[in-house]
Amino acid sequence: MGVGDGEQIAPIMSLCAKRGRVVVTNIHSAAEGQINISLCDLTLMEKQLVGSIFGSANPQSDIPRLMQLYRNGQLDLAGMVTQEYALEDINQGFADMLAGKNIRGVLRYK
């Protein structure tokens, strides 16, 4: 489960299943640097609270590896695209994204 709002971490931790994981996926201001969670619940239920930025990727090694998988036919990038948009249709692409009409829309610049 990803968390974007610091105030939501404690309630989400209480909803997290045994051995579940809550991932904080954005950077918070220093003012939001404190949270209160139940250490008893954390320990007895073996829950995890972790932070992640950019999916914990290492671009220097991950991008070349992904490119090699693509070149070898082991990574189907085209199959991941649900809709393509021309540059002049960018507003429609954003509208479709907000409406949930596409999962991964791609802007084609020609």
Protein backbone atom coordinates (compact mmCIF):
# COMPACT_ATOMS: atom_id res chain seq x y z
CA MET A 1 0.00 0.00 0.00
CA GLY A 2 1.43 3.38 -0.93
CA VAL A 3 0.98 6.44 1.26
CA GLY A 4 1.14 10.02 0.03
CA ASP A 5 -0.12 11.98 3.03
CA GLY A 6 1.82 11.91 6.31
CA GLU A 7 -1.37 12.22 8.36
CA GLN A 8 -2.65 8.99 6.81
CA ILE A 9 0.28 6.78 7.82
CA ALA A 10 -1.01 5.84 11.30
CA PRO A 11 -4.57 4.98 10.17
CA ILE A 12 -3.24 3.00 7.20
CA MET A 13 -0.81 1.12 9.45
CA SER A 14 -3.76 0.10 11.63
CA LEU A 15 -5.55 -1.28 8.53
CA CYS A 16 -2.48 -3.10 7.26
CA ALA A 17 -2.71 -6.91 7.53
CA LYS A 18 -0.36 -9.06 9.58
CA ARG A 19 3.07 -9.09 7.92
CA GLY A 20 1.84 -6.34 5.59
CA ARG A 21 3.89 -3.45 4.31
CA VAL A 22 3.07 0.25 4.00
CA VAL A 23 5.29 2.18 1.57
CA VAL A 24 5.74 5.95 1.81
CA THR A 25 6.14 7.00 -1.81
CA ASN A 26 6.78 10.72 -1.69
CA ILE A 27 8.99 13.20 0.11
CA HIS A 28 7.37 15.09 2.95
CA SER A 29 8.33 18.48 4.34
CA ALA A 30 10.28 18.67 7.59
CA ALA A 31 7.07 19.86 9.29
CA GLU A 32 5.52 16.47 8.51
CA GLY A 33 8.55 14.61 9.85
CA GLN A 34 6.81 13.13 12.89
CA ILE A 35 4.22 10.35 13.03
CA ASN A 36 2.71 8.33 15.87
CA ILE A 37 2.15 4.63 15.29
CA SER A 38 1.56 1.73 17.64
CA LEU A 39 4.87 -0.02 18.25
CA CYS A 40 2.98 -2.93 19.81
CA ASP A 41 0.92 -3.38 16.63
CA LEU A 42 4.04 -2.97 14.49
CA THR A 43 5.93 -5.65 16.42
CA LEU A 44 3.23 -8.20 17.22
CA MET A 45 1.71 -8.06 13.75
CA GLU A 46 5.15 -8.00 12.06
CA LYS A 47 4.19 -5.02 9.91
CA GLN A 48 6.65 -2.98 7.87
CA LEU A 49 6.78 0.77 7.24
CA VAL A 50 9.26 1.63 4.49
CA GLY A 51 10.13 4.56 2.29
CA SER A 52 10.74 4.38 -1.43
CA ILE A 53 11.75 6.95 -4.02
CA PHE A 54 11.48 6.25 -7.74
CA GLY A 55 10.65 2.61 -6.98
CA SER A 56 14.09 2.19 -5.39
CA ALA A 57 15.51 2.02 -8.90
CA ASN A 58 19.18 2.40 -9.75
CA PRO A 59 19.06 4.04 -13.19
CA GLN A 60 22.75 3.38 -13.93
CA SER A 61 22.22 -0.38 -13.79
CA ASP A 62 18.46 -0.77 -14.28
CA ILE A 63 18.06 1.16 -17.56
CA PRO A 64 20.80 -0.76 -19.43
CA ARG A 65 19.38 -4.04 -18.07
CA LEU A 66 15.85 -3.13 -19.18
CA MET A 67 17.15 -2.06 -22.61
CA GLN A 68 18.88 -5.43 -23.02
CA LEU A 69 15.69 -7.27 -22.05
CA TYR A 70 13.79 -5.22 -24.64
CA ARG A 71 16.38 -5.91 -27.36
CA ASN A 72 16.23 -9.64 -26.57
CA GLY A 73 12.44 -9.65 -26.89
CA GLN A 74 12.00 -10.39 -23.18
CA LEU A 75 10.31 -7.07 -22.33
CA ASP A 76 7.15 -6.16 -24.24
CA LEU A 77 7.02 -2.38 -23.99
CA ALA A 78 4.35 -1.99 -26.68
CA GLY A 79 2.03 -4.29 -24.73
CA MET A 80 2.27 -1.98 -21.73
CA VAL A 81 0.88 1.01 -23.65
CA THR A 82 -2.90 1.32 -23.48
CA GLN A 83 -3.25 4.46 -25.62
CA GLU A 84 -1.04 6.67 -27.79
CA TYR A 85 -1.59 10.42 -28.21
CA ALA A 86 -0.15 12.94 -30.66
CA LEU A 87 1.33 16.09 -29.15
CA GLU A 88 -1.72 18.12 -30.16
CA ASP A 89 -3.92 15.63 -28.22
CA ILE A 90 -2.08 16.04 -24.92
CA ASN A 91 -5.13 17.52 -23.18
CA GLN A 92 -7.21 14.49 -24.17
CA GLY A 93 -4.47 12.24 -22.81
CA PHE A 94 -4.60 13.97 -19.43
CA ALA A 95 -8.41 13.87 -19.43
CA ASP A 96 -8.38 10.13 -20.21
CA MET A 97 -5.82 9.53 -17.45
CA LEU A 98 -7.91 11.40 -14.88
CA ALA A 99 -11.05 9.55 -16.01
CA GLY A 100 -9.30 6.18 -15.67
CA LYS A 101 -9.65 5.41 -19.39
CA ASN A 102 -6.01 4.47 -19.83
CA ILE A 103 -3.44 2.81 -17.64
CA ARG A 104 -0.35 3.92 -19.50
CA GLY A 105 -0.91 6.60 -22.11
CA VAL A 106 2.08 7.58 -24.23
CA LEU A 107 2.67 10.90 -25.95
CA ARG A 108 4.17 10.41 -29.41
CA TYR A 109 6.31 13.34 -30.47
CA LYS A 110 6.98 13.38 -34.22
